Amino acid sequence: MNKLFPSAAEALKGVVADGQMLAVGGFGLCGIPEALIDALRDSGVKGLTVISNNAGVDGFGLGKLLETRQIRKMISSYVGENKEFERQYLAGELELEFTPQGTLAEKLRAGGAGIPAFFTKTGVGTMVAEGKELREFDGETYVMERSLVPDVALVKAHRADKSGNLQFRLTARNFNPAAATAGKVCIVEVEEIVETGDIAPDDVHLPGIYVHRIVHNPTPEKRIEKRTVSAAAPVDPVAAKVEAQTAIAQAAAAAEAELPVVPTVPANKKEGA
């Protein structure tokens, strides 16, 4: 079975439709299927329920689908960094099912494992538990959460072989494996494609049995959500030279006397700092 598709648009063709529930991998902007999100926007499907840790940022990631008003409801655990998300929600234009992050991950994992529901202590006594079944176990109260089984999962992986075995890279793994196993149809965007067998069995993070379609995107933008740069402390070259010469002289004198070296206090530091 050929799982490789020539483009993201072709991979979505005949799969996505109005009113579907989709799971989209990623955490913030890390590990998101950029090309598949763009193709989903261009497909024009609407009325979508999207399961994702967040909704991207304004103008990037799932934020693009918010701008085109293709998302009807978000099932998320974090809704910051997106003013259009905030605007639509506060205006009553976007439905939100706010879910604790660990619960969201377990909803997808359980859905992929064929478990229809589970009990958790997270959210008991809060708005999260309103209208849900509560049950006592060993003297503790738990709330029942239904699992999620989306119609389609859009996933980002680092590498795939032609059979669909996947390898994720570092923190970009995040929600991607859980989304992939939960989706009835799983479409994966990858940066590298290798021959079947080129990925060592121990390096396969998700078996190809879960993957239906693969798209090659070797040059994703990988936009950084936030960048913080701190300037280095200014260095006085004259003081640094004197400090180095003093340290060398003390080391030489100590070696002659076979005494331990006593470190000097740097010239640019005050006593007790």
C-alpha atoms as a PDB file:
ATOM      1  CA  MET A   1       0.000   0.000   0.000  1.00  0.00           C
ATOM      2  CA  ASN A   2       1.443   3.366  -1.066  1.00  0.00           C
ATOM      3  CA  LYS A   3       1.085   5.847   1.802  1.00  0.00           C
ATOM      4  CA  LEU A   4       3.055   8.670   0.160  1.00  0.00           C
ATOM      5  CA  PHE A   5       1.089  11.578  -1.311  1.00  0.00           C
ATOM      6  CA  PRO A   6       2.572  14.275  -3.570  1.00  0.00           C
ATOM      7  CA  SER A   7       1.190  17.199  -1.557  1.00  0.00           C
ATOM      8  CA  ALA A   8      -0.672  18.068   1.610  1.00  0.00           C
ATOM      9  CA  ALA A   9      -3.722  19.029  -0.465  1.00  0.00           C
ATOM     10  CA  GLU A  10      -3.783  15.602  -2.112  1.00  0.00           C
ATOM     11  CA  ALA A  11      -3.405  13.875   1.241  1.00  0.00           C
ATOM     12  CA  LEU A  12      -6.475  15.669   2.606  1.00  0.00           C
ATOM     13  CA  LYS A  13      -8.582  15.087  -0.497  1.00  0.00           C
ATOM     14  CA  GLY A  14     -11.507  12.765   0.135  1.00  0.00           C
ATOM     15  CA  VAL A  15     -10.780  12.662   3.870  1.00  0.00           C
ATOM     16  CA  VAL A  16     -11.674  16.016   5.434  1.00  0.00           C
ATOM     17  CA  ALA A  17     -15.223  17.341   5.379  1.00  0.00           C
ATOM     18  CA  ASP A  18     -17.450  19.951   7.008  1.00  0.00           C
ATOM     19  CA  GLY A  19     -18.409  19.334  10.618  1.00  0.00           C
ATOM     20  CA  GLN A  20     -15.659  16.836  11.398  1.00  0.00           C
ATOM     21  CA  MET A  21     -13.679  16.457  14.611  1.00  0.00           C
ATOM     22  CA  LEU A  22      -9.927  16.734  14.034  1.00  0.00           C
ATOM     23  CA  ALA A  23      -6.975  16.186  16.338  1.00  0.00           C
ATOM     24  CA  VAL A  24      -3.906  18.269  15.526  1.00  0.00           C
ATOM     25  CA  GLY A  25      -0.540  17.472  17.093  1.00  0.00           C
ATOM     26  CA  GLY A  26       1.835  20.015  18.547  1.00  0.00           C
ATOM     27  CA  PHE A  27       2.537  22.038  21.659  1.00  0.00           C
ATOM     28  CA  GLY A  28       2.504  25.754  21.076  1.00  0.00           C
ATOM     29  CA  LEU A  29       4.228  26.002  17.698  1.00  0.00           C
ATOM     30  CA  CYS A  30       6.502  23.021  18.381  1.00  0.00           C
ATOM     31  CA  GLY A  31       5.759  19.929  16.326  1.00  0.00           C
ATOM     32  CA  ILE A  32       2.779  21.279  14.404  1.00  0.00           C
ATOM     33  CA  PRO A  33       1.924  19.975  10.899  1.00  0.00           C
ATOM     34  CA  GLU A  34       2.399  23.300   9.122  1.00  0.00           C
ATOM     35  CA  ALA A  35       1.756  22.156   5.541  1.00  0.00           C
ATOM     36  CA  LEU A  36      -1.316  20.140   6.521  1.00  0.00           C
ATOM     37  CA  ILE A  37      -2.802  23.102   8.407  1.00  0.00           C
ATOM     38  CA  ASP A  38      -2.276  25.324   5.342  1.00  0.00           C
ATOM     39  CA  ALA A  39      -3.903  22.696   3.109  1.00  0.00           C
ATOM     40  CA  LEU A  40      -6.814  22.384   5.530  1.00  0.00           C
ATOM     41  CA  ARG A  41      -7.318  26.145   5.356  1.00  0.00           C
ATOM     42  CA  ASP A  42      -7.205  26.075   1.560  1.00  0.00           C
ATOM     43  CA  SER A  43      -9.686  23.175   1.410  1.00  0.00           C
ATOM     44  CA  GLY A  44     -12.422  25.462   2.697  1.00  0.00           C
ATOM     45  CA  VAL A  45     -13.967  22.890   5.059  1.00  0.00           C
ATOM     46  CA  LYS A  46     -15.812  24.522   7.934  1.00  0.00           C
ATOM     47  CA  GLY A  47     -17.701  23.845  11.136  1.00  0.00           C
ATOM     48  CA  LEU A  48     -14.721  21.935  12.520  1.00  0.00           C
ATOM     49  CA  THR A  49     -14.185  20.775  16.087  1.00  0.00           C
ATOM     50  CA  VAL A  50     -10.427  20.803  16.664  1.00  0.00           C
ATOM     51  CA  ILE A  51      -8.646  18.976  19.468  1.00  0.00           C
ATOM     52  CA  SER A  52      -5.279  20.551  20.165  1.00  0.00           C
ATOM     53  CA  ASN A  53      -3.208  21.654  23.120  1.00  0.00           C
ATOM     54  CA  ASN A  54      -3.733  25.225  21.871  1.00  0.00           C
ATOM     55  CA  ALA A  55      -4.824  27.154  18.808  1.00  0.00           C
ATOM     56  CA  GLY A  56      -1.448  28.423  17.634  1.00  0.00           C
ATOM     57  CA  VAL A  57      -0.849  32.167  17.447  1.00  0.00           C
ATOM     58  CA  ASP A  58      -2.360  34.947  15.382  1.00  0.00           C
ATOM     59  CA  GLY A  59      -1.539  34.257  11.744  1.00  0.00           C
ATOM     60  CA  PHE A  60       0.274  30.946  12.251  1.00  0.00           C
ATOM     61  CA  GLY A  61      -0.593  27.350  13.046  1.00  0.00           C
ATOM     62  CA  LEU A  62      -4.255  26.830  13.891  1.00  0.00           C
ATOM     63  CA  GLY A  63      -4.522  30.596  14.193  1.00  0.00           C
ATOM     64  CA  LYS A  64      -4.889  30.586  10.397  1.00  0.00           C
ATOM     65  CA  LEU A  65      -8.073  28.507  10.658  1.00  0.00           C
ATOM     66  CA  LEU A  66      -9.484  30.849  13.275  1.00  0.00           C
ATOM     67  CA  GLU A  67      -8.939  33.795  10.946  1.00  0.00           C
ATOM     68  CA  THR A  68     -10.901  32.046   8.180  1.00  0.00           C
ATOM     69  CA  ARG A  69     -13.628  31.060  10.671  1.00  0.00           C
ATOM     70  CA  GLN A  70     -13.355  27.347   9.809  1.00  0.00           C
ATOM     71  CA  ILE A  71     -13.239  26.226  13.471  1.00  0.00           C
ATOM     72  CA  ARG A  72     -16.554  26.022  15.314  1.00  0.00           C
ATOM     73  CA  LYS A  73     -15.233  24.535  18.563  1.00  0.00           C
ATOM     74  CA  MET A  74     -11.848  24.076  20.237  1.00  0.00           C
ATOM     75  CA  ILE A  75     -11.053  21.320  22.738  1.00  0.00           C
ATOM     76  CA  SER A  76      -7.879  22.717  24.309  1.00  0.00           C
ATOM     77  CA  SER A  77      -5.841  22.984  27.474  1.00  0.00           C
ATOM     78  CA  TYR A  78      -4.223  26.371  26.750  1.00  0.00           C
ATOM     79  CA  VAL A  79      -5.751  29.343  25.001  1.00  0.00           C
ATOM     80  CA  GLY A  80      -3.165  32.109  25.412  1.00  0.00           C
ATOM     81  CA  GLU A  81      -1.013  33.843  22.775  1.00  0.00           C
ATOM     82  CA  ASN A  82      -3.946  34.238  20.366  1.00  0.00           C
ATOM     83  CA  LYS A  83      -5.980  37.449  20.373  1.00  0.00           C
ATOM     84  CA  GLU A  84      -8.350  36.253  17.650  1.00  0.00           C
ATOM     85  CA  PHE A  85      -9.136  33.165  19.743  1.00  0.00           C
ATOM     86  CA  GLU A  86      -9.899  35.456  22.678  1.00  0.00           C
ATOM     87  CA  ARG A  87     -12.015  37.777  20.582  1.00  0.00           C
ATOM     88  CA  GLN A  88     -14.126  35.005  19.049  1.00  0.00           C
ATOM     89  CA  TYR A  89     -14.657  33.247  22.366  1.00  0.00           C
ATOM     90  CA  LEU A  90     -15.670  36.374  24.272  1.00  0.00           C
ATOM     91  CA  ALA A  91     -17.993  37.346  21.428  1.00  0.00           C
ATOM     92  CA  GLY A  92     -19.716  33.962  21.544  1.00  0.00           C
ATOM     93  CA  GLU A  93     -18.477  33.064  18.066  1.00  0.00           C
ATOM     94  CA  LEU A  94     -16.272  30.147  19.147  1.00  0.00           C
ATOM     95  CA  GLU A  95     -17.174  27.268  21.429  1.00  0.00           C
ATOM     96  CA  LEU A  96     -14.499  26.133  23.897  1.00  0.00           C
ATOM     97  CA  GLU A  97     -14.186  22.923  25.882  1.00  0.00           C
ATOM     98  CA  PHE A  98     -11.406  23.851  28.291  1.00  0.00           C
ATOM     99  CA  THR A  99      -9.638  20.694  29.452  1.00  0.00           C
ATOM    100  CA  PRO A 100      -6.746  20.107  31.888  1.00  0.00           C
ATOM    101  CA  GLN A 101      -3.646  19.241  29.892  1.00  0.00           C
ATOM    102  CA  GLY A 102      -3.050  15.788  31.387  1.00  0.00           C
ATOM    103  CA  THR A 103      -6.717  14.943  30.952  1.00  0.00           C
ATOM    104  CA  LEU A 104      -6.590  16.038  27.314  1.00  0.00           C
ATOM    105  CA  ALA A 105      -3.585  13.817  26.665  1.00  0.00           C
ATOM    106  CA  GLU A 106      -5.301  10.866  28.352  1.00  0.00           C
ATOM    107  CA  LYS A 107      -8.534  11.462  26.415  1.00  0.00           C
ATOM    108  CA  LEU A 108      -6.574  10.958  23.186  1.00  0.00           C
ATOM    109  CA  ARG A 109      -4.459   8.081  24.484  1.00  0.00           C
ATOM    110  CA  ALA A 110      -7.515   6.262  25.818  1.00  0.00           C
ATOM    111  CA  GLY A 111      -9.393   6.861  22.586  1.00  0.00           C
ATOM    112  CA  GLY A 112      -6.572   5.275  20.634  1.00  0.00           C
ATOM    113  CA  ALA A 113      -6.514   2.321  23.026  1.00  0.00           C
ATOM    114  CA  GLY A 114     -10.219   1.642  22.639  1.00  0.00           C
ATOM    115  CA  ILE A 115     -11.105   2.823  26.154  1.00  0.00           C
ATOM    116  CA  PRO A 116     -14.377   4.814  25.992  1.00  0.00           C
ATOM    117  CA  ALA A 117     -13.997   6.613  29.340  1.00  0.00           C
ATOM    118  CA  PHE A 118     -11.836   6.827  32.456  1.00  0.00           C
ATOM    119  CA  PHE A 119     -11.889   8.309  35.966  1.00  0.00           C
ATOM    120  CA  THR A 120      -9.483  10.984  37.199  1.00  0.00           C
ATOM    121  CA  LYS A 121      -9.157  13.196  40.291  1.00  0.00           C
ATOM    122  CA  THR A 122      -8.182  16.172  38.153  1.00  0.00           C
ATOM    123  CA  GLY A 123     -10.942  18.764  38.118  1.00  0.00           C
ATOM    124  CA  VAL A 124     -12.999  17.359  40.995  1.00  0.00           C
ATOM    125  CA  GLY A 125     -14.670  20.219  42.857  1.00  0.00           C
ATOM    126  CA  THR A 126     -14.204  22.657  39.964  1.00  0.00           C
ATOM    127  CA  MET A 127     -16.139  23.723  36.866  1.00  0.00           C
ATOM    128  CA  VAL A 128     -14.350  20.949  34.970  1.00  0.00           C
ATOM    129  CA  ALA A 129     -16.465  18.343  36.777  1.00  0.00           C
ATOM    130  CA  GLU A 130     -19.831  20.080  36.357  1.00  0.00           C
ATOM    131  CA  GLY A 131     -22.421  17.795  34.770  1.00  0.00           C
ATOM    132  CA  LYS A 132     -20.089  14.782  34.778  1.00  0.00           C
ATOM    133  CA  GLU A 133     -20.394  11.526  36.678  1.00  0.00           C
ATOM    134  CA  LEU A 134     -18.543  11.371  40.014  1.00  0.00           C
ATOM    135  CA  ARG A 135     -17.589   8.131  41.719  1.00  0.00           C
ATOM    136  CA  GLU A 136     -15.808   7.126  44.905  1.00  0.00           C
ATOM    137  CA  PHE A 137     -12.729   4.882  44.777  1.00  0.00           C
ATOM    138  CA  ASP A 138     -10.842   4.027  47.982  1.00  0.00           C
ATOM    139  CA  GLY A 139     -12.372   6.997  49.766  1.00  0.00           C
ATOM    140  CA  GLU A 140     -11.456   9.507  47.029  1.00  0.00           C
ATOM    141  CA  THR A 141     -13.761  11.245  44.551  1.00  0.00           C
ATOM    142  CA  TYR A 142     -13.078  10.896  40.830  1.00  0.00           C
ATOM    143  CA  VAL A 143     -14.721  12.426  37.774  1.00  0.00           C
ATOM    144  CA  MET A 144     -15.470  10.420  34.646  1.00  0.00           C
ATOM    145  CA  GLU A 145     -14.041  11.765  31.391  1.00  0.00           C
ATOM    146  CA  ARG A 146     -15.057  10.516  27.949  1.00  0.00           C
ATOM    147  CA  SER A 147     -12.273   9.609  25.551  1.00  0.00           C
ATOM    148  CA  LEU A 148     -11.757  11.331  22.195  1.00  0.00           C
ATOM    149  CA  VAL A 149     -11.815   9.548  18.847  1.00  0.00           C
ATOM    150  CA  PRO A 150     -11.464  12.216  16.138  1.00  0.00           C
ATOM    151  CA  ASP A 151     -12.415  11.618  12.519  1.00  0.00           C
ATOM    152  CA  VAL A 152      -8.976  12.725  11.329  1.00  0.00           C
ATOM    153  CA  ALA A 153      -5.600  13.241  13.012  1.00  0.00           C
ATOM    154  CA  LEU A 154      -3.061  15.652  11.516  1.00  0.00           C
ATOM    155  CA  VAL A 155       0.375  14.832  12.876  1.00  0.00           C
ATOM    156  CA  LYS A 156       3.955  16.057  12.528  1.00  0.00           C
ATOM    157  CA  ALA A 157       6.920  13.660  12.747  1.00  0.00           C
ATOM    158  CA  HIS A 158      10.596  14.077  11.987  1.00  0.00           C
ATOM    159  CA  ARG A 159      11.119  10.919   9.932  1.00  0.00           C
ATOM    160  CA  ALA A 160       9.006   8.190   8.352  1.00  0.00           C
ATOM    161  CA  ASP A 161       9.795   5.120   6.343  1.00  0.00           C
ATOM    162  CA  LYS A 162       7.618   4.188   3.394  1.00  0.00           C
ATOM    163  CA  SER A 163       5.534   1.862   5.567  1.00  0.00           C
ATOM    164  CA  GLY A 164       4.616   4.752   7.841  1.00  0.00           C
ATOM    165  CA  ASN A 165       6.759   3.899  10.853  1.00  0.00           C
ATOM    166  CA  LEU A 166       7.453   7.209  12.581  1.00  0.00           C
ATOM    167  CA  GLN A 167      10.288   8.786  14.510  1.00  0.00           C
ATOM    168  CA  PHE A 168       9.706  12.040  16.388  1.00  0.00           C
ATOM    169  CA  ARG A 169      12.382  14.539  17.392  1.00  0.00           C
ATOM    170  CA  LEU A 170      12.822  15.609  21.000  1.00  0.00           C
ATOM    171  CA  THR A 171       9.952  17.720  22.417  1.00  0.00           C
ATOM    172  CA  ALA A 172       8.200  17.819  19.043  1.00  0.00           C
ATOM    173  CA  ARG A 173       6.848  14.398  19.995  1.00  0.00           C
ATOM    174  CA  ASN A 174       4.430  16.027  22.538  1.00  0.00           C
ATOM    175  CA  PHE A 175       0.765  15.349  21.597  1.00  0.00           C
ATOM    176  CA  ASN A 176       1.562  13.844  18.197  1.00  0.00           C
ATOM    177  CA  PRO A 177       1.648  10.099  19.036  1.00  0.00           C
ATOM    178  CA  ALA A 178      -1.566  10.283  21.081  1.00  0.00           C
ATOM    179  CA  ALA A 179      -3.340  12.205  18.308  1.00  0.00           C
ATOM    180  CA  ALA A 180      -2.119   9.706  15.711  1.00  0.00           C
ATOM    181  CA  THR A 181      -3.415   6.645  17.555  1.00  0.00           C
ATOM    182  CA  ALA A 182      -6.774   8.264  18.364  1.00  0.00           C
ATOM    183  CA  GLY A 183      -7.666   9.388  14.832  1.00  0.00           C
ATOM    184  CA  LYS A 184      -9.790   7.161  12.622  1.00  0.00           C
ATOM    185  CA  VAL A 185      -7.627   8.403   9.748  1.00  0.00           C
ATOM    186  CA  CYS A 186      -4.082   9.609  10.436  1.00  0.00           C
ATOM    187  CA  ILE A 187      -2.235  11.910   8.032  1.00  0.00           C
ATOM    188  CA  VAL A 188       1.401  12.633   8.862  1.00  0.00           C
ATOM    189  CA  GLU A 189       3.708  15.411   7.703  1.00  0.00           C
ATOM    190  CA  VAL A 190       7.418  14.519   7.885  1.00  0.00           C
ATOM    191  CA  GLU A 191      10.733  16.183   7.161  1.00  0.00           C
ATOM    192  CA  GLU A 192      12.518  13.004   6.030  1.00  0.00           C
ATOM    193  CA  ILE A 193      11.370   9.856   4.239  1.00  0.00           C
ATOM    194  CA  VAL A 194      13.552   6.752   4.214  1.00  0.00           C
ATOM    195  CA  GLU A 195      13.200   3.215   2.949  1.00  0.00           C
ATOM    196  CA  THR A 196      11.319   0.677   5.002  1.00  0.00           C
ATOM    197  CA  GLY A 197      13.777  -0.898   7.431  1.00  0.00           C
ATOM    198  CA  ASP A 198      16.114   2.107   7.587  1.00  0.00           C
ATOM    199  CA  ILE A 199      14.722   3.118  10.974  1.00  0.00           C
ATOM    200  CA  ALA A 200      16.002   0.746  13.643  1.00  0.00           C
ATOM    201  CA  PRO A 201      13.144  -1.015  15.471  1.00  0.00           C
ATOM    202  CA  ASP A 202      14.127   0.594  18.784  1.00  0.00           C
ATOM    203  CA  ASP A 203      13.917   4.023  17.143  1.00  0.00           C
ATOM    204  CA  VAL A 204      10.355   3.596  15.898  1.00  0.00           C
ATOM    205  CA  HIS A 205       8.210   5.760  18.170  1.00  0.00           C
ATOM    206  CA  LEU A 206       4.922   4.945  16.427  1.00  0.00           C
ATOM    207  CA  PRO A 207       4.255   1.866  14.256  1.00  0.00           C
ATOM    208  CA  GLY A 208       3.076   2.379  10.695  1.00  0.00           C
ATOM    209  CA  ILE A 209      -0.174   0.510  11.385  1.00  0.00           C
ATOM    210  CA  TYR A 210      -1.584   3.795  12.723  1.00  0.00           C
ATOM    211  CA  VAL A 211      -0.544   5.867   9.690  1.00  0.00           C
ATOM    212  CA  HIS A 212      -2.703   6.100   6.573  1.00  0.00           C
ATOM    213  CA  ARG A 213      -1.133   8.910   4.542  1.00  0.00           C
ATOM    214  CA  ILE A 214       2.284  10.618   4.495  1.00  0.00           C
ATOM    215  CA  VAL A 215       3.300  14.047   3.164  1.00  0.00           C
ATOM    216  CA  HIS A 216       6.904  15.150   2.725  1.00  0.00           C
ATOM    217  CA  ASN A 217       7.666  18.703   3.895  1.00  0.00           C
ATOM    218  CA  PRO A 218      11.475  18.949   4.147  1.00  0.00           C
ATOM    219  CA  THR A 219      11.620  22.689   4.944  1.00  0.00           C
ATOM    220  CA  PRO A 220       8.973  23.685   7.501  1.00  0.00           C
ATOM    221  CA  GLU A 221       9.196  27.203   8.866  1.00  0.00           C
ATOM    222  CA  LYS A 222       9.340  26.084  12.533  1.00  0.00           C
ATOM    223  CA  ARG A 223       8.492  29.528  13.789  1.00  0.00           C
ATOM    224  CA  ILE A 224       9.605  30.338  17.343  1.00  0.00           C
ATOM    225  CA  GLU A 225       6.672  31.342  19.523  1.00  0.00           C
ATOM    226  CA  LYS A 226       8.655  33.562  21.875  1.00  0.00           C
ATOM    227  CA  ARG A 227      12.296  34.526  21.879  1.00  0.00           C
ATOM    228  CA  THR A 228      13.981  36.064  24.900  1.00  0.00           C
ATOM    229  CA  VAL A 229      17.500  37.477  24.507  1.00  0.00           C
ATOM    230  CA  SER A 230      19.546  38.732  27.450  1.00  0.00           C
ATOM    231  CA  ALA A 231      22.640  40.839  26.884  1.00  0.00           C
ATOM    232  CA  ALA A 232      25.898  39.556  28.351  1.00  0.00           C
ATOM    233  CA  ALA A 233      27.437  41.561  31.193  1.00  0.00           C
ATOM    234  CA  PRO A 234      30.032  44.075  29.893  1.00  0.00           C
ATOM    235  CA  VAL A 235      33.650  42.984  30.296  1.00  0.00           C
ATOM    236  CA  ASP A 236      36.490  45.357  31.157  1.00  0.00           C
ATOM    237  CA  PRO A 237      39.393  44.009  29.053  1.00  0.00           C
ATOM    238  CA  VAL A 238      42.084  45.751  31.185  1.00  0.00           C
ATOM    239  CA  ALA A 239      40.680  44.364  34.458  1.00  0.00           C
ATOM    240  CA  ALA A 240      40.297  40.920  32.917  1.00  0.00           C
ATOM    241  CA  LYS A 241      43.938  40.936  31.779  1.00  0.00           C
ATOM    242  CA  VAL A 242      45.183  41.991  35.241  1.00  0.00           C
ATOM    243  CA  GLU A 243      43.016  39.314  36.862  1.00  0.00           C
ATOM    244  CA  ALA A 244      44.396  36.618  34.561  1.00  0.00           C
ATOM    245  CA  GLN A 245      48.021  37.692  35.150  1.00  0.00           C
ATOM    246  CA  THR A 246      47.469  37.702  38.927  1.00  0.00           C
ATOM    247  CA  ALA A 247      45.968  34.221  38.830  1.00  0.00           C
ATOM    248  CA  ILE A 248      48.897  32.894  36.770  1.00  0.00           C
ATOM    249  CA  ALA A 249      51.458  34.447  39.129  1.00  0.00           C
ATOM    250  CA  GLN A 250      49.724  33.019  42.212  1.00  0.00           C
ATOM    251  CA  ALA A 251      49.514  29.582  40.631  1.00  0.00           C
ATOM    252  CA  ALA A 252      53.219  29.644  39.811  1.00  0.00           C
ATOM    253  CA  ALA A 253      54.171  30.773  43.351  1.00  0.00           C
ATOM    254  CA  ALA A 254      51.930  28.129  44.916  1.00  0.00           C
ATOM    255  CA  ALA A 255      53.441  25.420  42.750  1.00  0.00           C
ATOM    256  CA  GLU A 256      56.938  26.390  43.921  1.00  0.00           C
ATOM    257  CA  ALA A 257      55.910  26.371  47.558  1.00  0.00           C
ATOM    258  CA  GLU A 258      53.704  23.292  47.089  1.00  0.00           C
ATOM    259  CA  LEU A 259      50.835  25.224  48.631  1.00  0.00           C
ATOM    260  CA  PRO A 260      47.155  25.077  47.559  1.00  0.00           C
ATOM    261  CA  VAL A 261      46.022  27.760  45.166  1.00  0.00           C
ATOM    262  CA  VAL A 262      43.750  30.354  46.780  1.00  0.00           C
ATOM    263  CA  PRO A 263      41.372  31.797  44.148  1.00  0.00           C
ATOM    264  CA  THR A 264      41.264  35.559  43.814  1.00  0.00           C
ATOM    265  CA  VAL A 265      38.110  37.629  43.932  1.00  0.00           C
ATOM    266  CA  PRO A 266      37.349  38.903  40.405  1.00  0.00           C
ATOM    267  CA  ALA A 267      38.079  42.576  39.964  1.00  0.00           C
ATOM    268  CA  ASN A 268      34.550  43.405  38.822  1.00  0.00           C
ATOM    269  CA  LYS A 269      32.833  41.790  41.853  1.00  0.00           C
ATOM    270  CA  LYS A 270      32.216  43.459  45.186  1.00  0.00           C
ATOM    271  CA  GLU A 271      32.927  41.722  48.452  1.00  0.00           C
ATOM    272  CA  GLY A 272      29.915  39.695  49.569  1.00  0.00           C
ATOM    273  CA  ALA A 273      28.244  39.883  46.115  1.00  0.00           C
END
